[in-house]
């Protein structure tokens, strides 16, 4: 496995007075009131999802669950936001790249 495969690609965006965050590699999404809240929620959701897929009750479906990509328009938006952030870092009040390193050993957060 290439080291780049150990990073889950995620982004957050401001929408209608709140924030949304998406993990395009696992097709996960969360909502919250702030960028910090959605980042925390997304990390918790990713950790729980990976635990269930790798060592929890869904481990027999791990292959399917770990290759569940988001629809194309979410993946395109991720790359657009990544480019936008490189060009103009001041856009953080509108969107953020929230790439998350995949733990080598799944941790179950309680």
PDB file of N, CA and C in Angstrom:
ATOM      1  N   UNK A   1       0.848  -1.178   0.000  1.00  0.00           N
ATOM      2  CA  UNK A   1       0.000   0.000   0.000  1.00  0.00           C
ATOM      3  C   UNK A   1       0.891   1.238   0.000  1.00  0.00           C
ATOM      4  N   UNK A   2       0.577   2.166  -0.829  1.00  0.00           N
ATOM      5  CA  UNK A   2       1.330   3.413  -0.910  1.00  0.00           C
ATOM      6  C   UNK A   2       0.967   4.304   0.283  1.00  0.00           C
ATOM      7  N   UNK A   3       1.931   5.083   0.806  1.00  0.00           N
ATOM      8  CA  UNK A   3       1.620   5.972   1.924  1.00  0.00           C
ATOM      9  C   UNK A   3       0.448   6.915   1.630  1.00  0.00           C
ATOM     10  N   UNK A   4       0.299   7.342   0.384  1.00  0.00           N
ATOM     11  CA  UNK A   4      -0.800   8.247   0.032  1.00  0.00           C
ATOM     12  C   UNK A   4      -2.149   7.576   0.280  1.00  0.00           C
ATOM     13  N   UNK A   5      -2.202   6.237   0.197  1.00  0.00           N
ATOM     14  CA  UNK A   5      -3.442   5.511   0.440  1.00  0.00           C
ATOM     15  C   UNK A   5      -3.832   5.501   1.913  1.00  0.00           C
ATOM     16  N   UNK A   6      -2.933   5.951   2.782  1.00  0.00           N
ATOM     17  CA  UNK A   6      -3.215   5.993   4.205  1.00  0.00           C
ATOM     18  C   UNK A   6      -3.823   7.316   4.634  1.00  0.00           C
ATOM     19  N   UNK A   7      -4.103   8.185   3.687  1.00  0.00           N
ATOM     20  CA  UNK A   7      -4.725   9.478   3.982  1.00  0.00           C
ATOM     21  C   UNK A   7      -6.120   9.494   3.372  1.00  0.00           C
ATOM     22  N   UNK A   8      -7.101   9.725   4.234  1.00  0.00           N
ATOM     23  CA  UNK A   8      -8.483   9.845   3.760  1.00  0.00           C
ATOM     24  C   UNK A   8      -8.727  11.292   3.367  1.00  0.00           C
ATOM     25  N   UNK A   9      -9.230  11.487   2.164  1.00  0.00           N
ATOM     26  CA  UNK A   9      -9.456  12.837   1.646  1.00  0.00           C
ATOM     27  C   UNK A   9     -10.807  13.356   2.119  1.00  0.00           C
ATOM     28  N   UNK A  10     -10.771  14.498   2.808  1.00  0.00           N
ATOM     29  CA  UNK A  10     -11.974  15.074   3.404  1.00  0.00           C
ATOM     30  C   UNK A  10     -11.971  16.587   3.199  1.00  0.00           C
ATOM     31  N   UNK A  11     -13.160  17.160   3.205  1.00  0.00           N
ATOM     32  CA  UNK A  11     -13.280  18.614   3.132  1.00  0.00           C
ATOM     33  C   UNK A  11     -14.495  19.074   3.905  1.00  0.00           C
ATOM     34  N   UNK A  12     -14.471  20.354   4.274  1.00  0.00           N
ATOM     35  CA  UNK A  12     -15.609  20.978   4.933  1.00  0.00           C
ATOM     36  C   UNK A  12     -15.995  22.221   4.164  1.00  0.00           C
ATOM     37  N   UNK A  13     -17.286  22.545   4.227  1.00  0.00           N
ATOM     38  CA  UNK A  13     -17.747  23.747   3.548  1.00  0.00           C
ATOM     39  C   UNK A  13     -18.871  24.390   4.351  1.00  0.00           C
ATOM     40  N   UNK A  14     -18.919  25.713   4.265  1.00  0.00           N
ATOM     41  CA  UNK A  14     -19.969  26.457   4.939  1.00  0.00           C
ATOM     42  C   UNK A  14     -21.224  26.436   4.079  1.00  0.00           C
ATOM     43  N   UNK A  15     -22.346  26.130   4.703  1.00  0.00           N
ATOM     44  CA  UNK A  15     -23.629  26.064   3.994  1.00  0.00           C
ATOM     45  C   UNK A  15     -24.731  26.594   4.892  1.00  0.00           C
ATOM     46  N   UNK A  16     -25.475  27.556   4.425  1.00  0.00           N
ATOM     47  CA  UNK A  16     -26.687  28.060   5.088  1.00  0.00           C
ATOM     48  C   UNK A  16     -26.516  28.266   6.596  1.00  0.00           C
ATOM     49  N   UNK A  17     -25.487  28.998   6.986  1.00  0.00           N
ATOM     50  CA  UNK A  17     -25.283  29.313   8.393  1.00  0.00           C
ATOM     51  C   UNK A  17     -24.636  28.211   9.214  1.00  0.00           C
ATOM     52  N   UNK A  18     -24.328  27.088   8.615  1.00  0.00           N
ATOM     53  CA  UNK A  18     -23.672  25.989   9.313  1.00  0.00           C
ATOM     54  C   UNK A  18     -22.539  25.432   8.468  1.00  0.00           C
ATOM     55  N   UNK A  19     -22.039  24.302   8.863  1.00  0.00           N
ATOM     56  CA  UNK A  19     -20.954  23.651   8.134  1.00  0.00           C
ATOM     57  C   UNK A  19     -21.323  22.201   7.834  1.00  0.00           C
ATOM     58  N   UNK A  20     -20.769  21.697   6.746  1.00  0.00           N
ATOM     59  CA  UNK A  20     -20.873  20.290   6.364  1.00  0.00           C
ATOM     60  C   UNK A  20     -19.458  19.799   6.107  1.00  0.00           C
ATOM     61  N   UNK A  21     -19.206  18.527   6.410  1.00  0.00           N
ATOM     62  CA  UNK A  21     -17.905  17.929   6.116  1.00  0.00           C
ATOM     63  C   UNK A  21     -18.131  16.568   5.477  1.00  0.00           C
ATOM     64  N   UNK A  22     -17.249  16.229   4.544  1.00  0.00           N
ATOM     65  CA  UNK A  22     -17.384  15.003   3.764  1.00  0.00           C
ATOM     66  C   UNK A  22     -16.046  14.269   3.697  1.00  0.00           C
ATOM     67  N   UNK A  23     -16.099  12.955   3.778  1.00  0.00           N
ATOM     68  CA  UNK A  23     -14.942  12.109   3.504  1.00  0.00           C
ATOM     69  C   UNK A  23     -15.237  11.428   2.176  1.00  0.00           C
ATOM     70  N   UNK A  24     -14.496  11.808   1.143  1.00  0.00           N
ATOM     71  CA  UNK A  24     -14.809  11.302  -0.200  1.00  0.00           C
ATOM     72  C   UNK A  24     -14.324   9.872  -0.422  1.00  0.00           C
ATOM     73  N   UNK A  25     -13.437   9.382   0.442  1.00  0.00           N
ATOM     74  CA  UNK A  25     -12.940   8.016   0.268  1.00  0.00           C
ATOM     75  C   UNK A  25     -13.846   6.972   0.916  1.00  0.00           C
ATOM     76  N   UNK A  26     -14.657   7.390   1.894  1.00  0.00           N
ATOM     77  CA  UNK A  26     -15.561   6.460   2.569  1.00  0.00           C
ATOM     78  C   UNK A  26     -17.024   6.849   2.405  1.00  0.00           C
ATOM     79  N   UNK A  27     -17.269   7.959   1.710  1.00  0.00           N
ATOM     80  CA  UNK A  27     -18.624   8.456   1.475  1.00  0.00           C
ATOM     81  C   UNK A  27     -19.366   8.710   2.786  1.00  0.00           C
ATOM     82  N   UNK A  28     -18.712   9.478   3.667  1.00  0.00           N
ATOM     83  CA  UNK A  28     -19.287   9.849   4.954  1.00  0.00           C
ATOM     84  C   UNK A  28     -19.520  11.349   4.973  1.00  0.00           C
ATOM     85  N   UNK A  29     -20.536  11.784   5.737  1.00  0.00           N
ATOM     86  CA  UNK A  29     -20.840  13.211   5.831  1.00  0.00           C
ATOM     87  C   UNK A  29     -21.380  13.534   7.215  1.00  0.00           C
ATOM     88  N   UNK A  30     -21.093  14.762   7.676  1.00  0.00           N
ATOM     89  CA  UNK A  30     -21.615  15.262   8.950  1.00  0.00           C
ATOM     90  C   UNK A  30     -21.993  16.723   8.787  1.00  0.00           C
ATOM     91  N   UNK A  31     -22.804  17.214   9.723  1.00  0.00           N
ATOM     92  CA  UNK A  31     -23.185  18.626   9.749  1.00  0.00           C
ATOM     93  C   UNK A  31     -22.953  19.169  11.143  1.00  0.00           C
ATOM     94  N   UNK A  32     -22.732  20.493  11.225  1.00  0.00           N
ATOM     95  CA  UNK A  32     -22.556  21.135  12.517  1.00  0.00           C
ATOM     96  C   UNK A  32     -22.624  22.641  12.392  1.00  0.00           C
ATOM     97  N   UNK A  33     -22.437  23.314  13.512  1.00  0.00           N
ATOM     98  CA  UNK A  33     -22.550  24.769  13.546  1.00  0.00           C
ATOM     99  C   UNK A  33     -21.252  25.482  13.191  1.00  0.00           C
ATOM    100  N   UNK A  34     -20.106  24.791  13.327  1.00  0.00           N
ATOM    101  CA  UNK A  34     -18.820  25.433  13.062  1.00  0.00           C
ATOM    102  C   UNK A  34     -17.880  24.463  12.354  1.00  0.00           C
ATOM    103  N   UNK A  35     -16.810  25.016  11.798  1.00  0.00           N
ATOM    104  CA  UNK A  35     -15.806  24.176  11.130  1.00  0.00           C
ATOM    105  C   UNK A  35     -15.164  23.220  12.132  1.00  0.00           C
ATOM    106  N   UNK A  36     -14.910  23.695  13.337  1.00  0.00           N
ATOM    107  CA  UNK A  36     -14.296  22.853  14.360  1.00  0.00           C
ATOM    108  C   UNK A  36     -15.219  21.694  14.749  1.00  0.00           C
ATOM    109  N   UNK A  37     -16.515  21.990  14.850  1.00  0.00           N
ATOM    110  CA  UNK A  37     -17.477  20.945  15.218  1.00  0.00           C
ATOM    111  C   UNK A  37     -17.559  19.864  14.148  1.00  0.00           C
ATOM    112  N   UNK A  38     -17.638  20.237  12.876  1.00  0.00           N
ATOM    113  CA  UNK A  38     -17.749  19.210  11.834  1.00  0.00           C
ATOM    114  C   UNK A  38     -16.451  18.429  11.696  1.00  0.00           C
ATOM    115  N   UNK A  39     -15.325  19.066  11.939  1.00  0.00           N
ATOM    116  CA  UNK A  39     -14.051  18.338  11.885  1.00  0.00           C
ATOM    117  C   UNK A  39     -14.024  17.278  12.985  1.00  0.00           C
ATOM    118  N   UNK A  40     -14.419  17.652  14.197  1.00  0.00           N
ATOM    119  CA  UNK A  40     -14.457  16.711  15.320  1.00  0.00           C
ATOM    120  C   UNK A  40     -15.445  15.580  15.038  1.00  0.00           C
ATOM    121  N   UNK A  41     -16.632  15.931  14.552  1.00  0.00           N
ATOM    122  CA  UNK A  41     -17.647  14.917  14.248  1.00  0.00           C
ATOM    123  C   UNK A  41     -17.192  13.966  13.143  1.00  0.00           C
ATOM    124  N   UNK A  42     -16.532  14.508  12.126  1.00  0.00           N
ATOM    125  CA  UNK A  42     -16.079  13.668  11.019  1.00  0.00           C
ATOM    126  C   UNK A  42     -14.990  12.698  11.486  1.00  0.00           C
ATOM    127  N   UNK A  43     -14.068  13.176  12.305  1.00  0.00           N
ATOM    128  CA  UNK A  43     -13.024  12.292  12.833  1.00  0.00           C
ATOM    129  C   UNK A  43     -13.648  11.178  13.662  1.00  0.00           C
ATOM    130  N   UNK A  44     -14.617  11.520  14.512  1.00  0.00           N
ATOM    131  CA  UNK A  44     -15.294  10.500  15.316  1.00  0.00           C
ATOM    132  C   UNK A  44     -16.021   9.495  14.425  1.00  0.00           C
ATOM    133  N   UNK A  45     -16.684   9.991  13.390  1.00  0.00           N
ATOM    134  CA  UNK A  45     -17.417   9.098  12.495  1.00  0.00           C
ATOM    135  C   UNK A  45     -16.458   8.184  11.725  1.00  0.00           C
ATOM    136  N   UNK A  46     -15.344   8.730  11.258  1.00  0.00           N
ATOM    137  CA  UNK A  46     -14.354   7.922  10.539  1.00  0.00           C
ATOM    138  C   UNK A  46     -13.792   6.838  11.450  1.00  0.00           C
ATOM    139  N   UNK A  47     -13.420   7.208  12.671  1.00  0.00           N
ATOM    140  CA  UNK A  47     -12.855   6.228  13.608  1.00  0.00           C
ATOM    141  C   UNK A  47     -13.852   5.109  13.892  1.00  0.00           C
ATOM    142  N   UNK A  48     -15.097   5.451  14.128  1.00  0.00           N
ATOM    143  CA  UNK A  48     -16.132   4.456  14.408  1.00  0.00           C
ATOM    144  C   UNK A  48     -16.372   3.559  13.183  1.00  0.00           C
ATOM    145  N   UNK A  49     -16.423   4.183  12.010  1.00  0.00           N
ATOM    146  CA  UNK A  49     -16.653   3.452  10.755  1.00  0.00           C
ATOM    147  C   UNK A  49     -15.519   2.455  10.505  1.00  0.00           C
ATOM    148  N   UNK A  50     -14.266   2.907  10.663  1.00  0.00           N
ATOM    149  CA  UNK A  50     -13.122   2.027  10.438  1.00  0.00           C
ATOM    150  C   UNK A  50     -13.087   0.892  11.449  1.00  0.00           C
ATOM    151  N   UNK A  51     -13.413   1.200  12.691  1.00  0.00           N
ATOM    152  CA  UNK A  51     -13.438   0.156  13.713  1.00  0.00           C
ATOM    153  C   UNK A  51     -14.461  -0.920  13.343  1.00  0.00           C
ATOM    154  N   UNK A  52     -15.681  -0.486  13.013  1.00  0.00           N
ATOM    155  CA  UNK A  52     -16.722  -1.454  12.657  1.00  0.00           C
ATOM    156  C   UNK A  52     -16.348  -2.258  11.415  1.00  0.00           C
ATOM    157  N   UNK A  53     -15.723  -1.617  10.443  1.00  0.00           N
ATOM    158  CA  UNK A  53     -15.366  -2.291   9.192  1.00  0.00           C
ATOM    159  C   UNK A  53     -14.188  -3.245   9.357  1.00  0.00           C
ATOM    160  N   UNK A  54     -13.259  -2.931  10.262  1.00  0.00           N
ATOM    161  CA  UNK A  54     -12.035  -3.730  10.360  1.00  0.00           C
ATOM    162  C   UNK A  54     -12.040  -4.747  11.495  1.00  0.00           C
ATOM    163  N   UNK A  55     -12.652  -4.415  12.622  1.00  0.00           N
ATOM    164  CA  UNK A  55     -12.631  -5.350  13.749  1.00  0.00           C
ATOM    165  C   UNK A  55     -13.990  -5.518  14.411  1.00  0.00           C
ATOM    166  N   UNK A  56     -14.947  -4.720  14.028  1.00  0.00           N
ATOM    167  CA  UNK A  56     -16.271  -4.766  14.641  1.00  0.00           C
ATOM    168  C   UNK A  56     -17.212  -5.716  13.926  1.00  0.00           C
ATOM    169  N   UNK A  57     -18.482  -5.464  14.124  1.00  0.00           N
ATOM    170  CA  UNK A  57     -19.523  -6.362  13.615  1.00  0.00           C
ATOM    171  C   UNK A  57     -19.630  -6.405  12.093  1.00  0.00           C
ATOM    172  N   UNK A  58     -19.067  -5.430  11.388  1.00  0.00           N
ATOM    173  CA  UNK A  58     -19.160  -5.394   9.925  1.00  0.00           C
ATOM    174  C   UNK A  58     -17.890  -5.867   9.219  1.00  0.00           C
ATOM    175  N   UNK A  59     -16.981  -6.491   9.938  1.00  0.00           N
ATOM    176  CA  UNK A  59     -15.674  -6.844   9.355  1.00  0.00           C
ATOM    177  C   UNK A  59     -15.774  -7.797   8.162  1.00  0.00           C
ATOM    178  N   UNK A  60     -16.826  -8.608   8.090  1.00  0.00           N
ATOM    179  CA  UNK A  60     -16.960  -9.501   6.932  1.00  0.00           C
ATOM    180  C   UNK A  60     -17.239  -8.719   5.642  1.00  0.00           C
ATOM    181  N   UNK A  61     -17.631  -7.451   5.778  1.00  0.00           N
ATOM    182  CA  UNK A  61     -17.904  -6.593   4.625  1.00  0.00           C
ATOM    183  C   UNK A  61     -16.822  -5.526   4.435  1.00  0.00           C
ATOM    184  N   UNK A  62     -15.683  -5.695   5.088  1.00  0.00           N
ATOM    185  CA  UNK A  62     -14.623  -4.679   5.079  1.00  0.00           C
ATOM    186  C   UNK A  62     -14.219  -4.269   3.671  1.00  0.00           C
ATOM    187  N   UNK A  63     -14.064  -5.213   2.785  1.00  0.00           N
ATOM    188  CA  UNK A  63     -13.634  -4.891   1.423  1.00  0.00           C
ATOM    189  C   UNK A  63     -14.599  -3.917   0.757  1.00  0.00           C
ATOM    190  N   UNK A  64     -15.881  -4.141   0.919  1.00  0.00           N
ATOM    191  CA  UNK A  64     -16.882  -3.254   0.330  1.00  0.00           C
ATOM    192  C   UNK A  64     -16.922  -1.906   1.049  1.00  0.00           C
ATOM    193  N   UNK A  65     -16.863  -1.937   2.371  1.00  0.00           N
ATOM    194  CA  UNK A  65     -16.981  -0.705   3.144  1.00  0.00           C
ATOM    195  C   UNK A  65     -15.778   0.223   2.965  1.00  0.00           C
ATOM    196  N   UNK A  66     -14.600  -0.346   2.743  1.00  0.00           N
ATOM    197  CA  UNK A  66     -13.392   0.476   2.610  1.00  0.00           C
ATOM    198  C   UNK A  66     -13.150   0.951   1.182  1.00  0.00           C
ATOM    199  N   UNK A  67     -13.990   0.550   0.265  1.00  0.00           N
ATOM    200  CA  UNK A  67     -13.846   1.011  -1.124  1.00  0.00           C
ATOM    201  C   UNK A  67     -15.101   1.748  -1.584  1.00  0.00           C
ATOM    202  N   UNK A  68     -15.795   2.342  -0.652  1.00  0.00           N
ATOM    203  CA  UNK A  68     -17.064   3.024  -0.925  1.00  0.00           C
ATOM    204  C   UNK A  68     -16.806   4.512  -1.181  1.00  0.00           C
ATOM    205  N   UNK A  69     -16.509   4.855  -2.414  1.00  0.00           N
ATOM    206  CA  UNK A  69     -16.205   6.239  -2.799  1.00  0.00           C
ATOM    207  C   UNK A  69     -17.469   7.092  -2.862  1.00  0.00           C
ATOM    208  N   UNK A  70     -17.293   8.372  -2.606  1.00  0.00           N
ATOM    209  CA  UNK A  70     -18.395   9.328  -2.724  1.00  0.00           C
ATOM    210  C   UNK A  70     -18.740   9.532  -4.196  1.00  0.00           C
ATOM    211  N   UNK A  71     -19.954  10.002  -4.471  1.00  0.00           N
ATOM    212  CA  UNK A  71     -20.324  10.319  -5.860  1.00  0.00           C
ATOM    213  C   UNK A  71     -19.346  11.333  -6.472  1.00  0.00           C
ATOM    214  N   UNK A  72     -19.265  11.318  -7.788  1.00  0.00           N
ATOM    215  CA  UNK A  72     -18.300  12.129  -8.522  1.00  0.00           C
ATOM    216  C   UNK A  72     -18.345  13.613  -8.156  1.00  0.00           C
ATOM    217  N   UNK A  73     -19.524  14.202  -8.007  1.00  0.00           N
ATOM    218  CA  UNK A  73     -19.576  15.642  -7.744  1.00  0.00           C
ATOM    219  C   UNK A  73     -18.935  16.007  -6.406  1.00  0.00           C
ATOM    220  N   UNK A  74     -18.939  15.118  -5.402  1.00  0.00           N
ATOM    221  CA  UNK A  74     -18.253  15.388  -4.136  1.00  0.00           C
ATOM    222  C   UNK A  74     -16.736  15.293  -4.319  1.00  0.00           C
ATOM    223  N   UNK A  75     -16.285  14.341  -5.129  1.00  0.00           N
ATOM    224  CA  UNK A  75     -14.850  14.197  -5.390  1.00  0.00           C
ATOM    225  C   UNK A  75     -14.322  15.380  -6.179  1.00  0.00           C
ATOM    226  N   UNK A  76     -15.103  15.853  -7.156  1.00  0.00           N
ATOM    227  CA  UNK A  76     -14.702  17.039  -7.935  1.00  0.00           C
ATOM    228  C   UNK A  76     -14.642  18.265  -7.028  1.00  0.00           C
ATOM    229  N   UNK A  77     -15.628  18.417  -6.154  1.00  0.00           N
ATOM    230  CA  UNK A  77     -15.652  19.564  -5.237  1.00  0.00           C
ATOM    231  C   UNK A  77     -14.430  19.548  -4.311  1.00  0.00           C
ATOM    232  N   UNK A  78     -14.031  18.355  -3.833  1.00  0.00           N
ATOM    233  CA  UNK A  78     -12.829  18.237  -3.003  1.00  0.00           C
ATOM    234  C   UNK A  78     -11.617  18.802  -3.728  1.00  0.00           C
ATOM    235  N   UNK A  79     -11.429  18.380  -4.976  1.00  0.00           N
ATOM    236  CA  UNK A  79     -10.255  18.830  -5.736  1.00  0.00           C
ATOM    237  C   UNK A  79     -10.339  20.329  -6.056  1.00  0.00           C
ATOM    238  N   UNK A  80     -11.529  20.825  -6.314  1.00  0.00           N
ATOM    239  CA  UNK A  80     -11.716  22.260  -6.537  1.00  0.00           C
ATOM    240  C   UNK A  80     -11.347  23.042  -5.275  1.00  0.00           C
ATOM    241  N   UNK A  81     -11.840  22.611  -4.122  1.00  0.00           N
ATOM    242  CA  UNK A  81     -11.526  23.295  -2.867  1.00  0.00           C
ATOM    243  C   UNK A  81     -10.041  23.205  -2.534  1.00  0.00           C
ATOM    244  N   UNK A  82      -9.437  22.070  -2.830  1.00  0.00           N
ATOM    245  CA  UNK A  82      -8.000  21.919  -2.567  1.00  0.00           C
ATOM    246  C   UNK A  82      -7.200  22.925  -3.395  1.00  0.00           C
ATOM    247  N   UNK A  83      -7.573  23.074  -4.659  1.00  0.00           N
ATOM    248  CA  UNK A  83      -6.931  24.057  -5.520  1.00  0.00           C
ATOM    249  C   UNK A  83      -7.206  25.470  -5.020  1.00  0.00           C
ATOM    250  N   UNK A  84      -8.437  25.748  -4.663  1.00  0.00           N
ATOM    251  CA  UNK A  84      -8.821  27.067  -4.163  1.00  0.00           C
ATOM    252  C   UNK A  84      -8.032  27.431  -2.911  1.00  0.00           C
ATOM    253  N   UNK A  85      -7.853  26.500  -2.009  1.00  0.00           N
ATOM    254  CA  UNK A  85      -7.093  26.754  -0.782  1.00  0.00           C
ATOM    255  C   UNK A  85      -5.622  27.025  -1.076  1.00  0.00           C
ATOM    256  N   UNK A  86      -5.067  26.376  -2.088  1.00  0.00           N
ATOM    257  CA  UNK A  86      -3.671  26.622  -2.457  1.00  0.00           C
ATOM    258  C   UNK A  86      -3.506  28.007  -3.068  1.00  0.00           C
ATOM    259  N   UNK A  87      -4.492  28.409  -3.857  1.00  0.00           N
ATOM    260  CA  UNK A  87      -4.424  29.710  -4.525  1.00  0.00           C
ATOM    261  C   UNK A  87      -4.682  30.842  -3.540  1.00  0.00           C
ATOM    262  N   UNK A  88      -5.696  30.667  -2.699  1.00  0.00           N
ATOM    263  CA  UNK A  88      -6.108  31.732  -1.787  1.00  0.00           C
ATOM    264  C   UNK A  88      -6.465  31.131  -0.440  1.00  0.00           C
ATOM    265  N   UNK A  89      -5.496  31.043   0.452  1.00  0.00           N
ATOM    266  CA  UNK A  89      -5.711  30.462   1.771  1.00  0.00           C
ATOM    267  C   UNK A  89      -6.761  31.182   2.594  1.00  0.00           C
ATOM    268  N   UNK A  90      -7.116  32.399   2.221  1.00  0.00           N
ATOM    269  CA  UNK A  90      -8.106  33.160   2.971  1.00  0.00           C
ATOM    270  C   UNK A  90      -9.506  32.586   2.822  1.00  0.00           C
ATOM    271  N   UNK A  91      -9.695  31.608   1.954  1.00  0.00           N
ATOM    272  CA  UNK A  91     -11.013  31.022   1.737  1.00  0.00           C
ATOM    273  C   UNK A  91     -11.413  30.075   2.874  1.00  0.00           C
ATOM    274  N   UNK A  92     -10.592  29.939   3.931  1.00  0.00           N
ATOM    275  CA  UNK A  92     -10.883  29.008   5.014  1.00  0.00           C
ATOM    276  C   UNK A  92     -12.203  29.296   5.704  1.00  0.00           C
ATOM    277  N   UNK A  93     -12.721  30.511   5.569  1.00  0.00           N
ATOM    278  CA  UNK A  93     -14.019  30.801   6.163  1.00  0.00           C
ATOM    279  C   UNK A  93     -15.156  30.246   5.305  1.00  0.00           C
ATOM    280  N   UNK A  94     -14.836  29.747   4.120  1.00  0.00           N
ATOM    281  CA  UNK A  94     -15.839  29.177   3.210  1.00  0.00           C
ATOM    282  C   UNK A  94     -15.654  27.663   3.079  1.00  0.00           C
ATOM    283  N   UNK A  95     -14.399  27.217   2.962  1.00  0.00           N
ATOM    284  CA  UNK A  95     -14.119  25.796   2.791  1.00  0.00           C
ATOM    285  C   UNK A  95     -12.778  25.458   3.420  1.00  0.00           C
ATOM    286  N   UNK A  96     -12.621  24.189   3.784  1.00  0.00           N
ATOM    287  CA  UNK A  96     -11.366  23.711   4.362  1.00  0.00           C
ATOM    288  C   UNK A  96     -11.098  22.292   3.884  1.00  0.00           C
ATOM    289  N   UNK A  97      -9.835  21.999   3.688  1.00  0.00           N
ATOM    290  CA  UNK A  97      -9.419  20.625   3.407  1.00  0.00           C
ATOM    291  C   UNK A  97      -9.139  19.980   4.762  1.00  0.00           C
ATOM    292  N   UNK A  98      -9.752  18.831   5.006  1.00  0.00           N
ATOM    293  CA  UNK A  98      -9.656  18.172   6.307  1.00  0.00           C
ATOM    294  C   UNK A  98      -9.086  16.767   6.174  1.00  0.00           C
ATOM    295  N   UNK A  99      -8.059  16.592   5.354  1.00  0.00           N
ATOM    296  CA  UNK A  99      -7.503  15.256   5.149  1.00  0.00           C
ATOM    297  C   UNK A  99      -7.163  14.626   6.498  1.00  0.00           C
ATOM    298  N   UNK A 100      -7.427  13.330   6.608  1.00  0.00           N
ATOM    299  CA  UNK A 100      -7.323  12.618   7.869  1.00  0.00           C
ATOM    300  C   UNK A 100      -6.453  11.380   7.688  1.00  0.00           C
ATOM    301  N   UNK A 101      -5.351  11.259   8.457  1.00  0.00           N
ATOM    302  CA  UNK A 101      -4.522  10.055   8.326  1.00  0.00           C
ATOM    303  C   UNK A 101      -5.267   8.842   8.876  1.00  0.00           C
ATOM    304  N   UNK A 102      -5.323   7.785   8.091  1.00  0.00           N
ATOM    305  CA  UNK A 102      -6.006   6.569   8.513  1.00  0.00           C
ATOM    306  C   UNK A 102      -5.118   5.855   9.527  1.00  0.00           C
ATOM    307  N   UNK A 103      -5.673   5.544  10.707  1.00  0.00           N
ATOM    308  CA  UNK A 103      -4.858   4.844  11.702  1.00  0.00           C
ATOM    309  C   UNK A 103      -4.502   3.437  11.226  1.00  0.00           C
ATOM    310  N   UNK A 104      -3.275   3.009  11.511  1.00  0.00           N
ATOM    311  CA  UNK A 104      -2.863   1.669  11.114  1.00  0.00           C
ATOM    312  C   UNK A 104      -3.545   0.617  11.980  1.00  0.00           C
ATOM    313  N   UNK A 105      -3.923   0.998  13.188  1.00  0.00           N
ATOM    314  CA  UNK A 105      -4.668   0.106  14.078  1.00  0.00           C
ATOM    315  C   UNK A 105      -5.953   0.842  14.430  1.00  0.00           C
ATOM    316  N   UNK A 106      -7.128   0.276  14.100  1.00  0.00           N
ATOM    317  CA  UNK A 106      -8.371   0.977  14.395  1.00  0.00           C
ATOM    318  C   UNK A 106      -8.564   1.194  15.888  1.00  0.00           C
ATOM    319  N   UNK A 107      -8.971   2.381  16.244  1.00  0.00           N
ATOM    320  CA  UNK A 107      -9.221   2.744  17.636  1.00  0.00           C
ATOM    321  C   UNK A 107     -10.713   2.931  17.793  1.00  0.00           C
ATOM    322  N   UNK A 108     -11.274   2.312  18.805  1.00  0.00           N
ATOM    323  CA  UNK A 108     -12.713   2.488  19.044  1.00  0.00           C
ATOM    324  C   UNK A 108     -12.889   3.562  20.091  1.00  0.00           C
ATOM    325  N   UNK A 109     -13.504   4.665  19.701  1.00  0.00           N
ATOM    326  CA  UNK A 109     -13.745   5.748  20.640  1.00  0.00           C
ATOM    327  C   UNK A 109     -15.087   5.526  21.303  1.00  0.00           C
ATOM    328  N   UNK A 110     -15.116   5.632  22.612  1.00  0.00           N
ATOM    329  CA  UNK A 110     -16.356   5.419  23.357  1.00  0.00           C
ATOM    330  C   UNK A 110     -16.858   6.714  23.929  1.00  0.00           C
TER     331      UNK A 110
END
